[in-house]
């Protein structure tokens, strides 16, 4: 059985259930240790809301005194402009080579993941970053990048609902869940498609800084579905 949280169906991987007081320990030892840096990967034909939703959540997180608690960076394979799905053009802040050390990496999805999974340089970067960061996360079909990098093997995960059959067929060692907004598998968190990335991002904020901070963030961006 999986452990489900909230009316929108996020869940923890059953292998990652928290022991008593473990969450409190995490918040005291890690959650309050200062600003968290997040790198969001961009690539051609990326789904806009997959990264823009979490970007807005993370950049809106504030402490009790109004101090920002998270810094969000954008990174791409090169410094060239990235054209998102439906045509919006974005200038990445960093490249794979000069991206600084961060605490969290977020991999969005979109049609561009079909080609991105076949670029060894990018997959090797994801593997290397997974060894340096606290958390690897994905939205929508960004989970295929995590899977290609071997980071979901033996774990529970989710993805865009229309891609669940493909993920199950391509990666039988992953327990792919459906009808959930996000899956927390410890050092890896995956979410369903598009708007589900906002729920996952708020869950991550709650995990790092406590639910009151996540609640305040949701209120600040007027996101009513967070529970």
N, C-alpha and C. Protein backbone atom coordinates (compact mmCIF):
# COMPACT_ATOMS: atom_id res chain seq x y z
N UNK A 1 0.85 -1.20 0.00
CA UNK A 1 0.00 0.00 0.00
C UNK A 1 0.88 1.25 0.00
N UNK A 2 0.40 2.30 -0.67
CA UNK A 2 1.15 3.54 -0.65
C UNK A 2 0.53 4.47 0.38
N UNK A 3 1.31 5.38 0.88
CA UNK A 3 0.87 6.31 1.90
C UNK A 3 0.47 7.61 1.21
N UNK A 4 -0.81 7.95 1.26
CA UNK A 4 -1.33 9.07 0.49
C UNK A 4 -1.56 10.27 1.41
N UNK A 5 -1.21 11.46 0.91
CA UNK A 5 -1.35 12.68 1.68
C UNK A 5 -2.16 13.69 0.89
N UNK A 6 -3.15 14.33 1.53
CA UNK A 6 -3.84 15.44 0.90
C UNK A 6 -4.91 15.01 -0.08
N UNK A 7 -5.84 15.92 -0.32
CA UNK A 7 -6.96 15.60 -1.20
C UNK A 7 -6.53 15.47 -2.64
N UNK A 8 -5.34 15.94 -2.98
CA UNK A 8 -4.88 15.87 -4.36
C UNK A 8 -3.93 14.71 -4.59
N UNK A 9 -3.85 13.81 -3.67
CA UNK A 9 -3.26 12.51 -3.94
C UNK A 9 -1.77 12.44 -4.10
N UNK A 10 -1.00 13.26 -3.38
CA UNK A 10 0.44 13.04 -3.35
C UNK A 10 0.73 11.84 -2.47
N UNK A 11 1.86 11.21 -2.68
CA UNK A 11 2.16 10.05 -1.84
C UNK A 11 3.65 9.89 -1.65
N UNK A 12 4.01 9.24 -0.55
CA UNK A 12 5.37 8.80 -0.31
C UNK A 12 5.54 7.39 -0.82
N UNK A 13 6.67 7.11 -1.42
CA UNK A 13 7.04 5.74 -1.74
C UNK A 13 6.96 4.95 -0.44
N UNK A 14 6.30 3.81 -0.47
CA UNK A 14 6.13 3.03 0.77
C UNK A 14 7.47 2.63 1.37
N UNK A 15 8.53 2.57 0.56
CA UNK A 15 9.85 2.22 1.07
C UNK A 15 10.48 3.40 1.81
N UNK A 16 9.86 4.60 1.69
CA UNK A 16 10.45 5.79 2.27
C UNK A 16 9.62 6.37 3.40
N UNK A 17 8.73 5.57 3.98
CA UNK A 17 7.88 6.08 5.06
C UNK A 17 8.74 6.60 6.21
N UNK A 18 8.26 7.69 6.81
CA UNK A 18 9.02 8.34 7.86
C UNK A 18 8.86 7.62 9.20
N UNK A 19 9.96 7.49 9.92
CA UNK A 19 9.89 7.00 11.28
C UNK A 19 9.40 8.14 12.18
N UNK A 20 8.92 7.83 13.40
CA UNK A 20 8.45 8.88 14.29
C UNK A 20 9.52 9.94 14.50
N UNK A 21 9.12 11.20 14.42
CA UNK A 21 9.96 12.37 14.65
C UNK A 21 11.02 12.59 13.57
N UNK A 22 11.04 11.75 12.51
CA UNK A 22 12.06 11.92 11.47
C UNK A 22 11.86 13.24 10.72
N UNK A 23 10.59 13.61 10.47
CA UNK A 23 10.35 14.86 9.76
C UNK A 23 10.79 16.05 10.61
N UNK A 24 10.49 16.00 11.92
CA UNK A 24 10.92 17.07 12.80
C UNK A 24 12.44 17.17 12.82
N UNK A 25 13.11 16.02 12.87
CA UNK A 25 14.57 16.01 12.86
C UNK A 25 15.09 16.64 11.57
N UNK A 26 14.45 16.29 10.45
CA UNK A 26 14.89 16.83 9.16
C UNK A 26 14.76 18.35 9.15
N UNK A 27 13.62 18.86 9.64
CA UNK A 27 13.40 20.30 9.63
C UNK A 27 14.40 21.02 10.52
N UNK A 28 14.72 20.42 11.66
CA UNK A 28 15.64 21.06 12.59
C UNK A 28 17.07 21.04 12.09
N UNK A 29 17.46 19.96 11.40
CA UNK A 29 18.86 19.81 10.99
C UNK A 29 19.13 20.28 9.58
N UNK A 30 18.12 20.21 8.70
CA UNK A 30 18.35 20.58 7.31
C UNK A 30 17.40 21.66 6.82
N UNK A 31 16.14 21.55 7.23
CA UNK A 31 15.16 22.47 6.69
C UNK A 31 15.39 23.92 7.07
N UNK A 32 16.11 24.16 8.16
CA UNK A 32 16.32 25.53 8.60
C UNK A 32 17.76 25.98 8.40
N UNK A 33 18.49 25.33 7.52
CA UNK A 33 19.93 25.60 7.41
C UNK A 33 20.24 26.70 6.42
N UNK A 34 19.24 27.42 5.93
CA UNK A 34 19.52 28.53 5.04
C UNK A 34 18.87 28.36 3.69
N UNK A 35 19.21 29.27 2.79
CA UNK A 35 18.61 29.29 1.47
C UNK A 35 18.94 28.04 0.68
N UNK A 36 17.93 27.48 0.02
CA UNK A 36 18.11 26.33 -0.85
C UNK A 36 18.19 26.80 -2.30
N UNK A 37 19.14 26.27 -3.04
CA UNK A 37 19.30 26.62 -4.45
C UNK A 37 18.71 25.52 -5.32
N UNK A 38 17.93 25.94 -6.30
CA UNK A 38 17.27 25.02 -7.22
C UNK A 38 17.71 25.33 -8.65
N UNK A 39 18.12 24.31 -9.38
CA UNK A 39 18.43 24.46 -10.81
C UNK A 39 17.32 23.80 -11.61
N UNK A 40 16.71 24.56 -12.51
CA UNK A 40 15.66 24.04 -13.39
C UNK A 40 16.23 23.90 -14.79
N UNK A 41 16.17 22.70 -15.33
CA UNK A 41 16.70 22.42 -16.66
C UNK A 41 15.73 22.90 -17.73
N UNK A 42 16.26 23.55 -18.75
CA UNK A 42 15.47 23.97 -19.91
C UNK A 42 16.01 23.31 -21.17
N UNK A 43 15.13 23.02 -22.10
CA UNK A 43 15.53 22.43 -23.37
C UNK A 43 14.46 22.75 -24.41
N UNK A 44 14.79 22.58 -25.67
CA UNK A 44 13.86 22.89 -26.73
C UNK A 44 12.55 22.11 -26.58
N UNK A 45 11.45 22.79 -26.77
CA UNK A 45 10.11 22.20 -26.71
C UNK A 45 9.72 21.74 -25.31
N UNK A 46 10.31 22.38 -24.29
CA UNK A 46 9.92 22.09 -22.91
C UNK A 46 8.52 22.64 -22.67
N UNK A 47 7.77 21.96 -21.83
CA UNK A 47 6.41 22.41 -21.48
C UNK A 47 6.52 23.59 -20.51
N UNK A 48 5.92 24.70 -20.86
CA UNK A 48 6.10 25.94 -20.12
C UNK A 48 5.71 25.82 -18.65
N UNK A 49 4.49 25.38 -18.37
CA UNK A 49 4.02 25.35 -16.99
C UNK A 49 4.79 24.32 -16.15
N UNK A 50 5.37 23.33 -16.80
CA UNK A 50 6.17 22.34 -16.07
C UNK A 50 7.27 22.99 -15.26
N UNK A 51 7.90 24.02 -15.83
CA UNK A 51 8.96 24.69 -15.08
C UNK A 51 8.53 26.03 -14.49
N UNK A 52 7.59 26.73 -15.17
CA UNK A 52 7.18 28.04 -14.69
C UNK A 52 6.37 27.95 -13.40
N UNK A 53 5.56 26.89 -13.25
CA UNK A 53 4.80 26.71 -12.02
C UNK A 53 5.69 26.53 -10.81
N UNK A 54 6.59 25.52 -10.83
CA UNK A 54 7.52 25.36 -9.71
C UNK A 54 8.43 26.58 -9.52
N UNK A 55 8.84 27.21 -10.62
CA UNK A 55 9.68 28.41 -10.51
C UNK A 55 8.97 29.47 -9.67
N UNK A 56 7.69 29.69 -9.95
CA UNK A 56 6.92 30.68 -9.20
C UNK A 56 6.80 30.29 -7.74
N UNK A 57 6.54 29.00 -7.48
CA UNK A 57 6.44 28.54 -6.09
C UNK A 57 7.75 28.78 -5.35
N UNK A 58 8.84 28.26 -5.89
CA UNK A 58 10.12 28.35 -5.20
C UNK A 58 10.57 29.79 -4.98
N UNK A 59 10.36 30.63 -5.98
CA UNK A 59 10.81 32.02 -5.86
C UNK A 59 9.91 32.84 -4.93
N UNK A 60 8.77 32.28 -4.54
CA UNK A 60 7.84 32.98 -3.65
C UNK A 60 7.99 32.58 -2.19
N UNK A 61 8.83 31.60 -1.89
CA UNK A 61 8.96 31.09 -0.52
C UNK A 61 9.69 32.13 0.35
N UNK A 62 9.09 32.46 1.47
CA UNK A 62 9.65 33.45 2.39
C UNK A 62 9.64 32.92 3.81
N UNK A 63 10.62 33.37 4.58
CA UNK A 63 10.65 33.08 6.00
C UNK A 63 9.73 34.03 6.75
N UNK A 64 9.67 33.87 8.07
CA UNK A 64 8.77 34.70 8.88
C UNK A 64 9.10 36.18 8.77
N UNK A 65 10.39 36.50 8.52
CA UNK A 65 10.80 37.89 8.41
C UNK A 65 10.78 38.41 6.98
N UNK A 66 10.25 37.59 6.06
CA UNK A 66 10.17 38.00 4.67
C UNK A 66 11.39 37.68 3.83
N UNK A 67 12.37 37.03 4.44
CA UNK A 67 13.60 36.69 3.71
C UNK A 67 13.34 35.55 2.74
N UNK A 68 13.80 35.65 1.49
CA UNK A 68 13.66 34.53 0.55
C UNK A 68 14.39 33.30 1.06
N UNK A 69 13.75 32.15 0.95
CA UNK A 69 14.34 30.90 1.42
C UNK A 69 14.86 30.02 0.29
N UNK A 70 14.55 30.38 -0.95
CA UNK A 70 15.00 29.58 -2.08
C UNK A 70 15.47 30.51 -3.21
N UNK A 71 16.51 30.07 -3.90
CA UNK A 71 17.01 30.78 -5.07
C UNK A 71 16.90 29.85 -6.26
N UNK A 72 16.29 30.32 -7.34
CA UNK A 72 16.03 29.47 -8.50
C UNK A 72 16.91 29.89 -9.67
N UNK A 73 17.58 28.91 -10.26
CA UNK A 73 18.44 29.12 -11.41
C UNK A 73 17.87 28.36 -12.60
N UNK A 74 18.09 28.87 -13.79
CA UNK A 74 17.73 28.12 -15.00
C UNK A 74 19.01 27.71 -15.71
N UNK A 75 19.01 26.50 -16.26
CA UNK A 75 20.21 25.95 -16.89
C UNK A 75 19.81 25.21 -18.15
N UNK A 76 20.65 25.30 -19.17
CA UNK A 76 20.41 24.61 -20.43
C UNK A 76 21.73 24.09 -20.98
N UNK A 77 21.67 23.33 -22.04
CA UNK A 77 22.88 22.76 -22.61
C UNK A 77 23.81 23.82 -23.19
N UNK A 78 23.25 24.94 -23.61
CA UNK A 78 24.06 26.04 -24.12
C UNK A 78 23.44 27.35 -23.66
N UNK A 79 24.12 28.45 -23.94
CA UNK A 79 23.63 29.77 -23.54
C UNK A 79 22.63 30.34 -24.55
N UNK A 80 22.31 29.60 -25.59
CA UNK A 80 21.38 30.09 -26.60
C UNK A 80 19.95 30.12 -26.06
N UNK A 81 19.12 30.94 -26.69
CA UNK A 81 17.72 31.02 -26.30
C UNK A 81 17.04 29.66 -26.46
N UNK A 82 16.15 29.34 -25.54
CA UNK A 82 15.40 28.09 -25.58
C UNK A 82 13.95 28.39 -25.97
N UNK A 83 13.47 27.70 -26.99
CA UNK A 83 12.09 27.88 -27.42
C UNK A 83 11.22 26.81 -26.75
N UNK A 84 10.29 27.26 -25.92
CA UNK A 84 9.39 26.35 -25.22
C UNK A 84 8.27 25.90 -26.15
N UNK A 85 7.54 24.90 -25.71
CA UNK A 85 6.36 24.50 -26.46
C UNK A 85 5.41 25.69 -26.59
N UNK A 86 4.83 25.85 -27.73
CA UNK A 86 3.91 26.95 -28.05
C UNK A 86 4.62 28.28 -28.28
N UNK A 87 5.97 28.25 -28.34
CA UNK A 87 6.68 29.39 -28.90
C UNK A 87 7.36 30.37 -27.97
N UNK A 88 7.09 30.36 -26.67
CA UNK A 88 7.75 31.30 -25.78
C UNK A 88 9.25 31.03 -25.78
N UNK A 89 10.05 32.10 -25.84
CA UNK A 89 11.51 31.98 -25.86
C UNK A 89 12.07 32.42 -24.52
N UNK A 90 12.98 31.63 -23.96
CA UNK A 90 13.54 31.89 -22.63
C UNK A 90 15.06 31.91 -22.72
N UNK A 91 15.66 32.84 -21.99
CA UNK A 91 17.12 32.91 -21.91
C UNK A 91 17.59 32.18 -20.66
N UNK A 92 18.29 31.05 -20.78
CA UNK A 92 18.79 30.36 -19.59
C UNK A 92 19.87 31.16 -18.89
N UNK A 93 19.93 31.01 -17.59
CA UNK A 93 20.92 31.74 -16.81
C UNK A 93 22.29 31.09 -16.81
N UNK A 94 22.32 29.76 -16.96
CA UNK A 94 23.57 29.01 -16.90
C UNK A 94 23.56 27.90 -17.94
N UNK A 95 24.74 27.38 -18.20
CA UNK A 95 24.88 26.19 -19.04
C UNK A 95 25.22 25.01 -18.15
N UNK A 96 25.21 23.82 -18.73
CA UNK A 96 25.57 22.62 -17.96
C UNK A 96 26.97 22.75 -17.39
N UNK A 97 27.85 23.43 -18.12
CA UNK A 97 29.25 23.53 -17.71
C UNK A 97 29.47 24.52 -16.57
N UNK A 98 28.71 25.61 -16.53
CA UNK A 98 28.99 26.63 -15.51
C UNK A 98 27.91 26.74 -14.44
N UNK A 99 26.96 25.83 -14.43
CA UNK A 99 25.93 25.86 -13.39
C UNK A 99 26.57 25.60 -12.03
N UNK A 100 26.33 26.46 -11.05
CA UNK A 100 26.92 26.25 -9.73
C UNK A 100 26.31 25.06 -9.01
N UNK A 101 26.91 24.70 -7.91
CA UNK A 101 26.38 23.62 -7.07
C UNK A 101 25.05 24.07 -6.49
N UNK A 102 24.07 23.18 -6.54
CA UNK A 102 22.73 23.48 -6.03
C UNK A 102 22.28 22.37 -5.10
N UNK A 103 21.17 22.62 -4.41
CA UNK A 103 20.61 21.62 -3.50
C UNK A 103 19.58 20.73 -4.18
N UNK A 104 18.91 21.29 -5.20
CA UNK A 104 17.79 20.60 -5.85
C UNK A 104 17.89 20.81 -7.35
N UNK A 105 17.62 19.76 -8.11
CA UNK A 105 17.51 19.87 -9.57
C UNK A 105 16.09 19.49 -9.97
N UNK A 106 15.48 20.29 -10.84
CA UNK A 106 14.15 20.00 -11.34
C UNK A 106 14.20 19.80 -12.85
N UNK A 107 13.64 18.68 -13.30
CA UNK A 107 13.62 18.33 -14.71
C UNK A 107 12.18 18.40 -15.20
N UNK A 108 11.81 19.41 -15.98
CA UNK A 108 10.46 19.49 -16.52
C UNK A 108 10.28 18.54 -17.69
N UNK A 109 9.06 18.47 -18.19
CA UNK A 109 8.77 17.58 -19.31
C UNK A 109 8.39 18.35 -20.56
N UNK A 110 7.65 17.68 -21.40
CA UNK A 110 7.26 18.26 -22.68
C UNK A 110 7.74 17.39 -23.81
N UNK A 111 7.37 17.77 -25.02
CA UNK A 111 7.74 16.97 -26.18
C UNK A 111 9.26 16.88 -26.36
N UNK A 112 9.96 17.87 -25.85
CA UNK A 112 11.41 17.87 -25.98
C UNK A 112 12.11 16.74 -25.27
N UNK A 113 11.44 16.10 -24.32
CA UNK A 113 12.09 14.98 -23.62
C UNK A 113 12.32 13.79 -24.55
N UNK A 114 11.56 13.70 -25.63
CA UNK A 114 11.72 12.59 -26.57
C UNK A 114 13.13 12.57 -27.15
N UNK A 115 13.67 13.75 -27.44
CA UNK A 115 15.04 13.82 -27.95
C UNK A 115 16.05 14.00 -26.81
N UNK A 116 15.65 14.66 -25.74
CA UNK A 116 16.59 14.91 -24.64
C UNK A 116 17.10 13.62 -24.01
N UNK A 117 16.26 12.60 -23.93
CA UNK A 117 16.70 11.34 -23.32
C UNK A 117 17.79 10.65 -24.12
N UNK A 118 17.97 11.05 -25.36
CA UNK A 118 18.98 10.43 -26.22
C UNK A 118 20.24 11.26 -26.36
N UNK A 119 20.42 12.24 -25.49
CA UNK A 119 21.63 13.06 -25.51
C UNK A 119 22.52 12.67 -24.33
N UNK A 120 23.55 11.87 -24.57
CA UNK A 120 24.40 11.36 -23.48
C UNK A 120 24.99 12.45 -22.60
N UNK A 121 25.37 13.57 -23.20
CA UNK A 121 25.97 14.66 -22.42
C UNK A 121 25.00 15.15 -21.36
N UNK A 122 23.75 15.27 -21.73
CA UNK A 122 22.72 15.74 -20.79
C UNK A 122 22.45 14.70 -19.71
N UNK A 123 22.31 13.45 -20.11
CA UNK A 123 22.04 12.38 -19.13
C UNK A 123 23.21 12.23 -18.16
N UNK A 124 24.43 12.35 -18.66
CA UNK A 124 25.60 12.26 -17.77
C UNK A 124 25.61 13.42 -16.78
N UNK A 125 25.16 14.59 -17.22
CA UNK A 125 25.08 15.73 -16.30
C UNK A 125 24.07 15.45 -15.20
N UNK A 126 22.94 14.87 -15.56
CA UNK A 126 21.92 14.54 -14.57
C UNK A 126 22.46 13.53 -13.56
N UNK A 127 23.17 12.53 -14.05
CA UNK A 127 23.76 11.53 -13.15
C UNK A 127 24.75 12.19 -12.20
N UNK A 128 25.62 13.04 -12.74
CA UNK A 128 26.62 13.71 -11.91
C UNK A 128 25.96 14.61 -10.87
N UNK A 129 24.94 15.33 -11.27
CA UNK A 129 24.26 16.22 -10.33
C UNK A 129 23.53 15.45 -9.23
N UNK A 130 23.05 14.28 -9.55
CA UNK A 130 22.34 13.48 -8.55
C UNK A 130 23.26 13.08 -7.40
N UNK A 131 24.56 13.05 -7.67
CA UNK A 131 25.54 12.68 -6.65
C UNK A 131 25.97 13.88 -5.81
N UNK A 132 25.53 15.07 -6.22
CA UNK A 132 25.95 16.29 -5.53
C UNK A 132 24.80 17.00 -4.83
N UNK A 133 23.57 16.63 -5.16
CA UNK A 133 22.41 17.38 -4.68
C UNK A 133 21.65 16.62 -3.60
N UNK A 134 20.83 17.36 -2.90
CA UNK A 134 19.97 16.78 -1.87
C UNK A 134 18.76 16.08 -2.48
N UNK A 135 18.21 16.69 -3.55
CA UNK A 135 16.99 16.16 -4.16
C UNK A 135 17.03 16.31 -5.67
N UNK A 136 16.57 15.27 -6.37
CA UNK A 136 16.31 15.33 -7.80
C UNK A 136 14.81 15.25 -7.98
N UNK A 137 14.25 16.14 -8.80
CA UNK A 137 12.81 16.17 -8.97
C UNK A 137 12.46 16.25 -10.46
N UNK A 138 11.23 15.87 -10.78
CA UNK A 138 10.77 15.97 -12.16
C UNK A 138 9.30 16.34 -12.20
N UNK A 139 8.90 16.92 -13.31
CA UNK A 139 7.50 17.23 -13.59
C UNK A 139 7.15 16.59 -14.93
N UNK A 140 5.98 15.95 -14.99
CA UNK A 140 5.48 15.42 -16.25
C UNK A 140 6.48 14.39 -16.81
N UNK A 141 6.77 14.45 -18.09
CA UNK A 141 7.67 13.47 -18.72
C UNK A 141 9.14 13.74 -18.43
N UNK A 142 9.43 14.72 -17.59
CA UNK A 142 10.79 14.87 -17.10
C UNK A 142 11.25 13.64 -16.34
N UNK A 143 10.29 12.84 -15.87
CA UNK A 143 10.63 11.59 -15.19
C UNK A 143 11.37 10.62 -16.10
N UNK A 144 11.17 10.74 -17.41
CA UNK A 144 11.90 9.87 -18.34
C UNK A 144 13.39 10.19 -18.33
N UNK A 145 13.75 11.43 -18.05
CA UNK A 145 15.16 11.78 -17.93
C UNK A 145 15.76 11.15 -16.67
N UNK A 146 15.00 11.17 -15.58
CA UNK A 146 15.46 10.50 -14.36
C UNK A 146 15.58 9.00 -14.59
N UNK A 147 14.61 8.43 -15.29
CA UNK A 147 14.64 6.99 -15.56
C UNK A 147 15.83 6.61 -16.43
N UNK A 148 16.08 7.41 -17.46
CA UNK A 148 17.21 7.14 -18.35
C UNK A 148 18.52 7.20 -17.59
N UNK A 149 18.60 8.07 -16.60
CA UNK A 149 19.80 8.20 -15.79
C UNK A 149 19.90 7.12 -14.73
N UNK A 150 18.90 6.25 -14.63
CA UNK A 150 18.93 5.16 -13.66
C UNK A 150 18.54 5.56 -12.26
N UNK A 151 17.94 6.73 -12.09
CA UNK A 151 17.66 7.25 -10.76
C UNK A 151 16.32 6.83 -10.20
N UNK A 152 15.52 6.14 -11.01
CA UNK A 152 14.21 5.67 -10.53
C UNK A 152 14.14 4.16 -10.38
N UNK A 153 15.22 3.47 -10.67
CA UNK A 153 15.22 2.00 -10.60
C UNK A 153 14.85 1.52 -9.20
N UNK A 154 13.87 0.64 -9.12
CA UNK A 154 13.44 0.09 -7.85
C UNK A 154 12.60 1.03 -7.00
N UNK A 155 12.20 2.17 -7.56
CA UNK A 155 11.43 3.15 -6.81
C UNK A 155 10.01 3.27 -7.37
N UNK A 156 9.16 3.91 -6.59
CA UNK A 156 7.86 4.34 -7.09
C UNK A 156 8.01 5.71 -7.72
N UNK A 157 7.25 5.96 -8.77
CA UNK A 157 7.32 7.25 -9.47
C UNK A 157 6.02 7.47 -10.21
N UNK A 158 5.88 8.68 -10.75
CA UNK A 158 4.74 8.96 -11.62
C UNK A 158 5.20 9.85 -12.76
N UNK A 159 4.30 10.09 -13.70
CA UNK A 159 4.60 10.90 -14.88
C UNK A 159 3.29 11.41 -15.46
N UNK A 160 3.35 12.04 -16.60
CA UNK A 160 2.15 12.49 -17.31
C UNK A 160 1.24 11.29 -17.57
N UNK A 161 -0.06 11.46 -17.35
CA UNK A 161 -0.95 10.29 -17.40
C UNK A 161 -0.91 9.58 -18.75
N UNK A 162 -0.75 10.32 -19.83
CA UNK A 162 -0.72 9.69 -21.14
C UNK A 162 0.56 8.93 -21.43
N UNK A 163 1.58 9.14 -20.60
CA UNK A 163 2.87 8.48 -20.80
C UNK A 163 3.11 7.33 -19.84
N UNK A 164 2.15 7.07 -18.95
CA UNK A 164 2.32 5.98 -17.98
C UNK A 164 2.52 4.63 -18.66
N UNK A 165 1.73 4.25 -19.67
CA UNK A 165 1.97 2.95 -20.32
C UNK A 165 3.37 2.85 -20.92
N UNK A 166 3.85 3.92 -21.53
CA UNK A 166 5.18 3.90 -22.13
C UNK A 166 6.26 3.73 -21.08
N UNK A 167 6.12 4.43 -19.96
CA UNK A 167 7.12 4.30 -18.90
C UNK A 167 7.11 2.89 -18.32
N UNK A 168 5.94 2.33 -18.12
CA UNK A 168 5.87 0.97 -17.58
C UNK A 168 6.52 -0.04 -18.52
N UNK A 169 6.30 0.16 -19.81
CA UNK A 169 6.87 -0.76 -20.79
C UNK A 169 8.38 -0.58 -20.92
N UNK A 170 8.83 0.67 -20.90
CA UNK A 170 10.25 0.97 -21.12
C UNK A 170 11.09 0.71 -19.88
N UNK A 171 10.49 0.88 -18.69
CA UNK A 171 11.25 0.75 -17.44
C UNK A 171 10.47 -0.13 -16.46
N UNK A 172 10.47 -1.44 -16.67
CA UNK A 172 9.69 -2.34 -15.82
C UNK A 172 10.18 -2.39 -14.37
N UNK A 173 11.38 -1.88 -14.11
CA UNK A 173 11.89 -1.89 -12.74
C UNK A 173 11.39 -0.70 -11.92
N UNK A 174 10.58 0.16 -12.54
CA UNK A 174 9.98 1.29 -11.83
C UNK A 174 8.51 0.98 -11.57
N UNK A 175 8.06 1.20 -10.35
CA UNK A 175 6.63 1.05 -10.04
C UNK A 175 5.94 2.38 -10.34
N UNK A 176 5.33 2.47 -11.49
CA UNK A 176 4.73 3.72 -11.95
C UNK A 176 3.30 3.84 -11.42
N UNK A 177 3.06 4.87 -10.63
CA UNK A 177 1.74 5.07 -10.03
C UNK A 177 0.91 6.02 -10.87
N UNK A 178 -0.40 5.78 -10.90
CA UNK A 178 -1.30 6.69 -11.59
C UNK A 178 -2.29 7.28 -10.59
N UNK A 179 -2.98 8.32 -11.01
CA UNK A 179 -3.97 9.01 -10.17
C UNK A 179 -3.35 9.59 -8.90
N UNK A 180 -2.10 10.02 -8.99
CA UNK A 180 -1.45 10.76 -7.90
C UNK A 180 -0.85 12.03 -8.49
N UNK A 181 -0.71 13.05 -7.67
CA UNK A 181 -0.13 14.30 -8.14
C UNK A 181 1.39 14.28 -8.06
N UNK A 182 1.91 13.63 -7.04
CA UNK A 182 3.36 13.51 -6.90
C UNK A 182 3.69 12.26 -6.10
N UNK A 183 4.92 11.81 -6.23
CA UNK A 183 5.42 10.66 -5.47
C UNK A 183 6.76 11.05 -4.86
N UNK A 184 6.86 10.97 -3.55
CA UNK A 184 8.09 11.26 -2.82
C UNK A 184 8.80 9.95 -2.52
N UNK A 185 9.91 9.72 -3.20
CA UNK A 185 10.68 8.49 -3.02
C UNK A 185 11.99 8.76 -2.30
N UNK A 186 11.98 9.72 -1.39
CA UNK A 186 13.18 10.01 -0.61
C UNK A 186 14.02 11.09 -1.26
N UNK A 187 15.06 10.67 -1.98
CA UNK A 187 15.94 11.65 -2.63
C UNK A 187 15.48 11.99 -4.04
N UNK A 188 14.36 11.42 -4.46
CA UNK A 188 13.79 11.71 -5.78
C UNK A 188 12.29 11.94 -5.62
N UNK A 189 11.80 13.03 -6.21
CA UNK A 189 10.37 13.32 -6.19
C UNK A 189 9.91 13.52 -7.63
N UNK A 190 8.88 12.80 -8.03
CA UNK A 190 8.32 12.95 -9.37
C UNK A 190 6.89 13.44 -9.27
N UNK A 191 6.43 14.13 -10.31
CA UNK A 191 5.04 14.57 -10.30
C UNK A 191 4.37 14.20 -11.60
N UNK A 192 3.06 14.24 -11.58
CA UNK A 192 2.28 14.06 -12.81
C UNK A 192 2.45 15.29 -13.68
N UNK A 193 1.59 15.44 -14.69
CA UNK A 193 1.85 16.43 -15.71
C UNK A 193 1.44 17.86 -15.39
N UNK A 194 2.17 18.77 -15.98
CA UNK A 194 1.86 20.19 -16.11
C UNK A 194 1.54 20.83 -14.75
N UNK A 195 0.27 21.06 -14.43
CA UNK A 195 -0.07 21.77 -13.20
C UNK A 195 0.31 21.00 -11.95
N UNK A 196 0.47 19.68 -12.05
CA UNK A 196 0.86 18.87 -10.88
C UNK A 196 2.22 19.29 -10.35
N UNK A 197 3.04 19.91 -11.19
CA UNK A 197 4.33 20.38 -10.72
C UNK A 197 4.21 21.42 -9.62
N UNK A 198 3.13 22.18 -9.62
CA UNK A 198 2.90 23.16 -8.57
C UNK A 198 2.65 22.45 -7.24
N UNK A 199 1.85 21.40 -7.27
CA UNK A 199 1.58 20.61 -6.05
C UNK A 199 2.87 19.98 -5.53
N UNK A 200 3.66 19.44 -6.45
CA UNK A 200 4.92 18.83 -6.05
C UNK A 200 5.85 19.86 -5.43
N UNK A 201 5.90 21.05 -6.04
CA UNK A 201 6.77 22.09 -5.52
C UNK A 201 6.33 22.53 -4.12
N UNK A 202 5.04 22.65 -3.90
CA UNK A 202 4.55 23.01 -2.57
C UNK A 202 4.82 21.90 -1.56
N UNK A 203 4.71 20.65 -1.99
CA UNK A 203 5.08 19.54 -1.10
C UNK A 203 6.55 19.64 -0.73
N UNK A 204 7.39 19.95 -1.70
CA UNK A 204 8.82 20.07 -1.43
C UNK A 204 9.08 21.20 -0.44
N UNK A 205 8.39 22.31 -0.60
CA UNK A 205 8.53 23.42 0.34
C UNK A 205 8.12 22.98 1.74
N UNK A 206 7.01 22.25 1.84
CA UNK A 206 6.57 21.75 3.14
C UNK A 206 7.59 20.81 3.74
N UNK A 207 8.18 19.98 2.92
CA UNK A 207 9.19 19.03 3.40
C UNK A 207 10.43 19.75 3.91
N UNK A 208 10.84 20.80 3.22
CA UNK A 208 12.06 21.51 3.60
C UNK A 208 11.86 22.49 4.74
N UNK A 209 10.74 23.21 4.72
CA UNK A 209 10.58 24.33 5.64
C UNK A 209 9.35 24.22 6.54
N UNK A 210 8.53 23.19 6.34
CA UNK A 210 7.34 23.01 7.16
C UNK A 210 6.07 23.42 6.42
N UNK A 211 4.97 22.79 6.77
CA UNK A 211 3.70 23.05 6.07
C UNK A 211 3.21 24.48 6.22
N UNK A 212 3.41 25.14 7.38
CA UNK A 212 2.97 26.54 7.45
C UNK A 212 3.62 27.43 6.39
N UNK A 213 4.88 27.18 6.08
CA UNK A 213 5.55 27.96 5.04
C UNK A 213 4.95 27.63 3.68
N UNK A 214 4.68 26.35 3.44
CA UNK A 214 4.05 25.96 2.18
C UNK A 214 2.65 26.56 2.06
N UNK A 215 1.90 26.55 3.16
CA UNK A 215 0.56 27.13 3.15
C UNK A 215 0.61 28.63 2.82
N UNK A 216 1.56 29.32 3.44
CA UNK A 216 1.70 30.76 3.18
C UNK A 216 2.10 31.02 1.73
N UNK A 217 2.95 30.16 1.19
CA UNK A 217 3.36 30.29 -0.21
C UNK A 217 2.18 30.10 -1.14
N UNK A 218 1.37 29.06 -0.86
CA UNK A 218 0.18 28.81 -1.68
C UNK A 218 -0.79 29.98 -1.62
N UNK A 219 -0.95 30.55 -0.44
CA UNK A 219 -1.84 31.72 -0.32
C UNK A 219 -1.29 32.89 -1.12
N UNK A 220 0.03 33.06 -1.06
CA UNK A 220 0.65 34.18 -1.76
C UNK A 220 0.47 34.13 -3.26
N UNK A 221 0.46 32.92 -3.82
CA UNK A 221 0.27 32.79 -5.27
C UNK A 221 -1.19 32.47 -5.61
N UNK A 222 -2.06 32.51 -4.57
CA UNK A 222 -3.49 32.23 -4.72
C UNK A 222 -3.75 30.90 -5.42
N UNK A 223 -3.08 29.88 -4.90
CA UNK A 223 -3.26 28.52 -5.41
C UNK A 223 -4.16 27.78 -4.44
N UNK A 224 -5.42 27.63 -4.79
CA UNK A 224 -6.44 27.14 -3.87
C UNK A 224 -6.45 25.62 -3.71
N UNK A 225 -5.77 24.90 -4.59
CA UNK A 225 -5.88 23.44 -4.57
C UNK A 225 -4.93 22.78 -3.59
N UNK A 226 -3.98 23.55 -3.06
CA UNK A 226 -3.06 22.99 -2.08
C UNK A 226 -3.80 22.74 -0.79
N UNK A 227 -3.64 21.51 -0.23
CA UNK A 227 -4.34 21.18 1.01
C UNK A 227 -3.38 20.53 1.98
